[in-house]
Each structure stands twice: as structure tokens, then as C-alpha cells.
C-alpha atoms as a PDB file:
ATOM      1  CA  MET A   1       7.606  15.857  13.633  1.00  0.00           C
ATOM      2  CA  ALA A   2       6.217  13.161  11.580  1.00  0.00           C
ATOM      3  CA  PHE A   3       6.503  15.342   8.760  1.00  0.00           C
ATOM      4  CA  SER A   4       9.823  15.875   9.212  1.00  0.00           C
ATOM      5  CA  ARG A   5      10.341  12.255   9.918  1.00  0.00           C
ATOM      6  CA  ALA A   6       8.834  11.383   6.979  1.00  0.00           C
ATOM      7  CA  ALA A   7      10.689  14.342   4.722  1.00  0.00           C
ATOM      8  CA  LYS A   8      13.927  12.667   6.191  1.00  0.00           C
ATOM      9  CA  SER A   9      12.960   9.308   5.240  1.00  0.00           C
ATOM     10  CA  GLU A  10      12.166  10.213   1.406  1.00  0.00           C
ATOM     11  CA  GLY A  11      15.282  12.319   0.934  1.00  0.00           C
ATOM     12  CA  HIS A  12      17.264   9.221   2.358  1.00  0.00           C
ATOM     13  CA  LEU A  13      15.248   6.982  -0.422  1.00  0.00           C
ATOM     14  CA  ALA A  14      15.715   9.246  -3.083  1.00  0.00           C
ATOM     15  CA  LEU A  15      19.152   9.748  -2.128  1.00  0.00           C
ATOM     16  CA  HIS A  16      19.747   5.985  -2.406  1.00  0.00           C
ATOM     17  CA  TYR A  17      18.281   5.928  -5.636  1.00  0.00           C
ATOM     18  CA  SER A  18      20.208   8.595  -6.727  1.00  0.00           C
ATOM     19  CA  LEU A  19      23.578   6.875  -5.893  1.00  0.00           C
ATOM     20  CA  VAL A  20      21.932   4.103  -7.834  1.00  0.00           C
ATOM     21  CA  ALA A  21      21.225   6.650 -10.463  1.00  0.00           C
ATOM     22  CA  GLY A  22      24.924   6.744 -10.483  1.00  0.00           C
ATOM     23  CA  VAL A  23      25.927   3.203 -11.449  1.00  0.00           C
ATOM     24  CA  GLY A  24      23.522   2.900 -14.251  1.00  0.00           C
ATOM     25  CA  LEU A  25      24.727   6.514 -15.506  1.00  0.00           C
ATOM     26  CA  VAL A  26      28.400   4.553 -15.611  1.00  0.00           C
ATOM     27  CA  THR A  27      27.202   1.080 -17.244  1.00  0.00           C
ATOM     28  CA  ASP A  28      25.334   3.690 -19.885  1.00  0.00           C
ATOM     29  CA  GLY A  29      28.392   5.158 -20.234  1.00  0.00           C
ATOM     30  CA  CYS A  30      30.742   2.526 -20.148  1.00  0.00           C
ATOM     31  CA  VAL A  31      28.660   0.457 -23.134  1.00  0.00           C
ATOM     32  CA  LEU A  32      27.968   3.058 -24.918  1.00  0.00           C
ATOM     33  CA  THR A  33      31.483   3.835 -25.432  1.00  0.00           C
ATOM     34  CA  LEU A  34      32.702   0.152 -25.695  1.00  0.00           C
ATOM     35  CA  LEU A  35      30.159  -0.790 -28.325  1.00  0.00           C
ATOM     36  CA  GLU A  36      31.039   3.077 -30.353  1.00  0.00           C
ATOM     37  CA  HIS A  37      34.692   1.907 -30.147  1.00  0.00           C
ATOM     38  CA  PHE A  38      33.766  -1.556 -31.886  1.00  0.00           C
ATOM     39  CA  GLY A  39      32.256   0.830 -34.563  1.00  0.00           C
ATOM     40  CA  MET A  40      28.355   0.746 -33.414  1.00  0.00           C
ATOM     41  CA  GLU A  41      25.881   3.914 -34.379  1.00  0.00           C
ATOM     42  CA  PRO A  42      26.089   5.986 -31.205  1.00  0.00           C
ATOM     43  CA  ALA A  43      21.664   6.064 -31.752  1.00  0.00           C
ATOM     44  CA  TRP A  44      21.864   1.768 -31.748  1.00  0.00           C
ATOM     45  CA  ALA A  45      24.731   2.210 -29.316  1.00  0.00           C
ATOM     46  CA  ARG A  46      22.652   3.995 -26.706  1.00  0.00           C
ATOM     47  CA  VAL A  47      19.708   1.233 -26.783  1.00  0.00           C
ATOM     48  CA  PHE A  48      22.162  -1.247 -25.454  1.00  0.00           C
ATOM     49  CA  SER A  49      23.767   1.317 -23.031  1.00  0.00           C
ATOM     50  CA  LEU A  50      20.033   1.815 -21.781  1.00  0.00           C
ATOM     51  CA  ALA A  51      18.656  -1.608 -21.773  1.00  0.00           C
ATOM     52  CA  SER A  52      22.014  -2.520 -19.989  1.00  0.00           C
ATOM     53  CA  ALA A  53      21.929   0.445 -17.516  1.00  0.00           C
ATOM     54  CA  MET A  54      17.713  -0.814 -16.566  1.00  0.00           C
ATOM     55  CA  GLN A  55      18.913  -3.758 -15.378  1.00  0.00           C
ATOM     56  CA  VAL A  56      21.747  -2.921 -13.490  1.00  0.00           C
ATOM     57  CA  THR A  57      19.556  -0.461 -11.702  1.00  0.00           C
ATOM     58  CA  PHE A  58      16.381  -2.789 -11.383  1.00  0.00           C
ATOM     59  CA  TRP A  59      18.561  -4.975  -9.204  1.00  0.00           C
ATOM     60  CA  ILE A  60      19.955  -2.686  -7.010  1.00  0.00           C
ATOM     61  CA  ASN A  61      17.594  -0.495  -6.689  1.00  0.00           C
ATOM     62  CA  GLY A  62      14.580  -3.242  -5.473  1.00  0.00           C
ATOM     63  CA  LEU A  63      16.851  -4.884  -3.679  1.00  0.00           C
ATOM     64  CA  TRP A  64      18.841  -2.536  -1.499  1.00  0.00           C
ATOM     65  CA  VAL A  65      17.031   0.760  -2.433  1.00  0.00           C
ATOM     66  CA  PHE A  66      13.347  -0.559  -1.570  1.00  0.00           C
ATOM     67  CA  ARG A  67      14.346  -3.568  -0.434  1.00  0.00           C
ATOM     68  CA  CYS A  68      11.029  -5.150  -1.691  1.00  0.00           C
ATOM     69  CA  LEU A  69      11.947  -8.202  -4.404  1.00  0.00           C
ATOM     70  CA  THR A  70      11.145 -11.545  -3.759  1.00  0.00           C
ATOM     71  CA  ARG A  71      11.547 -14.831  -5.452  1.00  0.00           C
ATOM     72  CA  ARG A  72       7.816 -15.071  -5.949  1.00  0.00           C
ATOM     73  CA  GLY A  73       7.659 -11.361  -6.573  1.00  0.00           C
ATOM     74  CA  TRP A  74      10.083 -10.097  -9.216  1.00  0.00           C
ATOM     75  CA  VAL A  75       8.261 -10.856 -12.351  1.00  0.00           C
ATOM     76  CA  PRO A  76       5.910  -8.301 -12.403  1.00  0.00           C
ATOM     77  CA  ALA A  77       8.168  -5.698 -10.193  1.00  0.00           C
ATOM     78  CA  TRP A  78      10.664  -6.193 -13.235  1.00  0.00           C
ATOM     79  CA  LEU A  79       7.817  -5.878 -15.828  1.00  0.00           C
ATOM     80  CA  GLY A  80       6.851  -2.909 -14.038  1.00  0.00           C
ATOM     81  CA  TYR A  81       9.923  -1.335 -13.178  1.00  0.00           C
ATOM     82  CA  MET A  82      11.275  -2.513 -17.425  1.00  0.00           C
ATOM     83  CA  ALA A  83       7.919  -0.732 -18.995  1.00  0.00           C
ATOM     84  CA  THR A  84       7.739   2.588 -16.576  1.00  0.00           C
ATOM     85  CA  SER A  85      11.759   3.099 -16.900  1.00  0.00           C
ATOM     86  CA  GLY A  86      11.675   2.532 -20.499  1.00  0.00           C
ATOM     87  CA  PHE A  87       9.261   5.573 -20.641  1.00  0.00           C
ATOM     88  CA  GLY A  88      11.797   7.752 -18.932  1.00  0.00           C
ATOM     89  CA  ASN A  89      14.723   6.444 -20.836  1.00  0.00           C
ATOM     90  CA  PHE A  90      12.411   6.942 -24.067  1.00  0.00           C
ATOM     91  CA  CYS A  91      12.383  10.442 -23.009  1.00  0.00           C
ATOM     92  CA  ASN A  92      16.470  10.151 -22.223  1.00  0.00           C
ATOM     93  CA  TYR A  93      16.822   8.659 -25.629  1.00  0.00           C
ATOM     94  CA  PHE A  94      15.448  11.008 -27.541  1.00  0.00           C
ATOM     95  CA  ALA A  95      17.439  14.535 -25.249  1.00  0.00           C
ATOM     96  CA  PHE A  96      20.455  12.367 -26.269  1.00  0.00           C
ATOM     97  CA  VAL A  97      20.012  12.206 -29.777  1.00  0.00           C
ATOM     98  CA  GLY A  98      18.337  15.644 -30.520  1.00  0.00           C
ATOM     99  CA  LEU A  99      21.920  16.784 -28.552  1.00  0.00           C
ATOM    100  CA  VAL A 100      23.927  14.786 -30.766  1.00  0.00           C
ATOM    101  CA  SER A 101      22.381  15.562 -34.032  1.00  0.00           C
ATOM    102  CA  LEU A 102      23.161  19.374 -33.637  1.00  0.00           C
ATOM    103  CA  HIS A 103      26.887  18.039 -34.537  1.00  0.00           C
ATOM    104  CA  SER A 104      28.260  21.180 -32.177  1.00  0.00           C
ATOM    105  CA  PRO A 105      31.749  20.366 -30.335  1.00  0.00           C
ATOM    106  CA  LEU A 106      29.593  21.780 -27.167  1.00  0.00           C
ATOM    107  CA  TRP A 107      26.688  19.647 -27.718  1.00  0.00           C
ATOM    108  CA  SER A 108      27.127  16.567 -28.508  1.00  0.00           C
ATOM    109  CA  ASN A 109      29.778  15.628 -26.123  1.00  0.00           C
ATOM    110  CA  ARG A 110      28.753  12.503 -25.023  1.00  0.00           C
ATOM    111  CA  TRP A 111      28.880  12.222 -21.402  1.00  0.00           C
ATOM    112  CA  LEU A 112      27.095  15.529 -21.293  1.00  0.00           C
ATOM    113  CA  ASP A 113      24.475  14.104 -23.381  1.00  0.00           C
ATOM    114  CA  LEU A 114      24.317  11.232 -21.066  1.00  0.00           C
ATOM    115  CA  THR A 115      24.164  13.465 -18.070  1.00  0.00           C
ATOM    116  CA  LEU A 116      21.031  16.106 -19.419  1.00  0.00           C
ATOM    117  CA  GLY A 117      19.248  13.318 -20.622  1.00  0.00           C
ATOM    118  CA  GLY A 118      19.820  11.147 -17.692  1.00  0.00           C
ATOM    119  CA  ILE A 119      18.581  14.304 -15.448  1.00  0.00           C
ATOM    120  CA  LEU A 120      15.347  14.206 -17.682  1.00  0.00           C
ATOM    121  CA  ALA A 121      15.267  10.511 -17.092  1.00  0.00           C
ATOM    122  CA  TRP A 122      15.830  10.358 -13.122  1.00  0.00           C
ATOM    123  CA  SER A 123      12.339  12.460 -12.359  1.00  0.00           C
ATOM    124  CA  ILE A 124      10.365  10.480 -14.632  1.00  0.00           C
ATOM    125  CA  ASN A 125      11.580   6.926 -13.209  1.00  0.00           C
ATOM    126  CA  TYR A 126      12.054   7.851  -9.663  1.00  0.00           C
ATOM    127  CA  ALA A 127       8.426   9.205  -9.444  1.00  0.00           C
ATOM    128  CA  CYS A 128       7.033   5.886 -11.382  1.00  0.00           C
ATOM    129  CA  ALA A 129       9.284   3.331  -9.267  1.00  0.00           C
ATOM    130  CA  ARG A 130       8.944   5.222  -5.637  1.00  0.00           C
ATOM    131  CA  LEU A 131       4.888   5.326  -6.646  1.00  0.00           C
ATOM    132  CA  LEU A 132       3.979   2.360  -9.197  1.00  0.00           C
ATOM    133  CA  VAL A 133       6.714  -0.110  -9.641  1.00  0.00           C
ATOM    134  CA  PHE A 134       7.978  -0.580  -5.683  1.00  0.00           C
ATOM    135  CA  GLY A 135       4.829   1.151  -4.210  1.00  0.00           C
ATOM    136  CA  ALA A 136       4.266   4.305  -1.979  1.00  0.00           C
ATOM    137  CA  ARG A 137       5.919   4.095   1.557  1.00  0.00           C
ATOM    138  CA  ARG A 138       3.590   3.003   4.186  1.00  0.00           C
ATOM    139  CA  GLU A 139       3.562   2.018   8.226  1.00  0.00           C
ATOM    140  CA  ARG A 140       5.502  -1.387   9.042  1.00  0.00           C
ATOM    141  CA  ALA A 141       2.864  -3.582  10.087  1.00  0.00           C
ATOM    142  CA  ALA A 142       3.383  -6.885  11.391  1.00  0.00           C
ATOM    143  CA  ASP A 143       2.709  -8.780   8.430  1.00  0.00           C
ATOM    144  CA  ALA A 144       4.882  -6.457   6.086  1.00  0.00           C
ATOM    145  CA  PRO A 145       8.629  -7.075   5.887  1.00  0.00           C
ATOM    146  CA  ASP A 146       9.470  -3.898   4.656  1.00  0.00           C
ATOM    147  CA  LYS A 147       7.831  -0.123   4.624  1.00  0.00           C
ATOM    148  CA  HIS A 148       9.302   0.696   1.360  1.00  0.00           C
ATOM    149  CA  CYS A 149       7.337  -1.804  -0.665  1.00  0.00           C
ATOM    150  CA  THR A 150       3.893  -2.289  -1.996  1.00  0.00           C
ATOM    151  CA  PRO A 151       4.077  -4.675  -4.962  1.00  0.00           C
ATOM    152  CA  ILE A 152       2.714  -3.728  -8.521  1.00  0.00           C
ATOM    153  CA  SER A 153      -0.097  -6.198  -8.347  1.00  0.00           C
ATOM    154  CA  ALA A 154      -1.688  -4.989  -5.311  1.00  0.00           C
ATOM    155  CA  VAL A 155      -1.252  -1.213  -6.678  1.00  0.00           C
ATOM    156  CA  LEU A 156      -3.288  -2.486  -9.878  1.00  0.00           C
ATOM    157  CA  GLU A 157      -5.667  -4.256  -7.851  1.00  0.00           C
ATOM    158  CA  GLY A 158      -6.645  -1.327  -6.159  1.00  0.00           C
ATOM    159  CA  ILE A 159      -6.757   0.710  -9.297  1.00  0.00           C
ATOM    160  CA  SER A 160      -8.767  -1.682 -10.632  1.00  0.00           C
ATOM    161  CA  THR A 161     -11.054  -2.150  -7.354  1.00  0.00           C
ATOM    162  CA  ARG A 162     -11.392   1.662  -7.747  1.00  0.00           C
ATOM    163  CA  LEU A 163     -12.329   1.640 -11.071  1.00  0.00           C
ATOM    164  CA  LYS A 164     -15.241  -0.843 -10.698  1.00  0.00           C
ATOM    165  CA  GLY A 165     -16.513   1.015  -7.878  1.00  0.00           C
ATOM    166  CA  VAL A 166     -16.301  -1.130  -4.697  1.00  0.00           C
ATOM    167  CA  ALA A 167     -14.659  -0.060  -1.419  1.00  0.00           C
ATOM    168  CA  PRO A 168     -11.500  -1.220  -0.629  1.00  0.00           C
ATOM    169  CA  GLY A 169     -11.084  -3.758   1.558  1.00  0.00           C
ATOM    170  CA  ALA A 170     -14.771  -4.384   1.271  1.00  0.00           C
ATOM    171  CA  THR A 171     -16.424  -8.079   0.415  1.00  0.00           C
ATOM    172  CA  GLY A 172     -18.872  -8.490  -2.857  1.00  0.00           C
ATOM    173  CA  PRO A 173     -20.200 -11.039  -5.433  1.00  0.00           C
ATOM    174  CA  ALA A 174     -17.275  -9.268  -7.435  1.00  0.00           C
ATOM    175  CA  GLN A 175     -14.229 -10.106  -5.074  1.00  0.00           C
ATOM    176  CA  ARG A 176     -13.570 -13.107  -3.304  1.00  0.00           C
END
């Protein structure tokens, strides 16, 4: 029963993330089309269109999907999201440029190239947002405003603690 509840919850989270990815795809495509219309080369236009889509999806994912952005905590989340999405979109970008460079009517279609690059980036970006930026799902606790969010600072602190060989939650000379 607990597994099916967790699987259903994860499925809803992935579905919402996917809806936001669709908004990002439309943002990306619209900015790309607009910049190309005004004469920018597709490869350079794509840099700006990806950056625009990343900003839009960060705010929607942080506020609506994972529900864990706060006034004090948005900067580290933004930095983590930009870094991890940057990696996913690096892969997306080179898939796009590679397909455009084929100069084939089938493979050089901008919307098809955006979609194929997006599918590649989706899996990378979802895993990073879910596991690194907005944190692993945890049970709702009295002091936890939302079960979808473990701030990246807490994740990094946990990794640092493990690397130092100190048990999480333990107090010692290295910890305050």
C-alpha cells in the first residue's frame, strides 16, 4: 500500500514537472523563433532561448511543483537549478545544433530539434531537480512546511558530513 501511494505521488510530481517542461518548450521555441526572425543565427538564438526557458521553469517548478521556494532560500535553489539545468541543457543544446547542422529537411526542423533535445534534457533535469535542487521527498513533519523539499544547502551539508566521516546528526568538534 505504501509503495503504491509513493508511486502515485511520484507520478503526479513527474506529471506536473512535465507540464512545466511543456511551458519551457513553448517559451524556448517562441524566443528562438523571435530571435531568428530578427536575424540571429539559430545556434546563438538557442543560447538565449534556453536561458529564458530555464528562468520560467525554475520559478514554476519551485513555486508550484515542488512548493519549496522561500524569500530566504530561493538563491541557493536558483544556483543549483541553473547549474544542473545548465548541464541538461548543454546536452539539449548540442543535440539541437547537431541536428540543425545536418541541413536535412527532416532533421533540421526547429520544432522537431527542440523536442528531441528536450526529451534528452528532461530526464537529466528532472533527476537533478528532484534529487539535488529541491531534494528527496520526505515525510511531512511538524516543522516541515512541504514534503517535496529538502533545500540544496541541507543536501550539500549532508554530503559534506558524510565525506568527513561524521554520522549525520552527530555532534562533535567539527560540528557546532
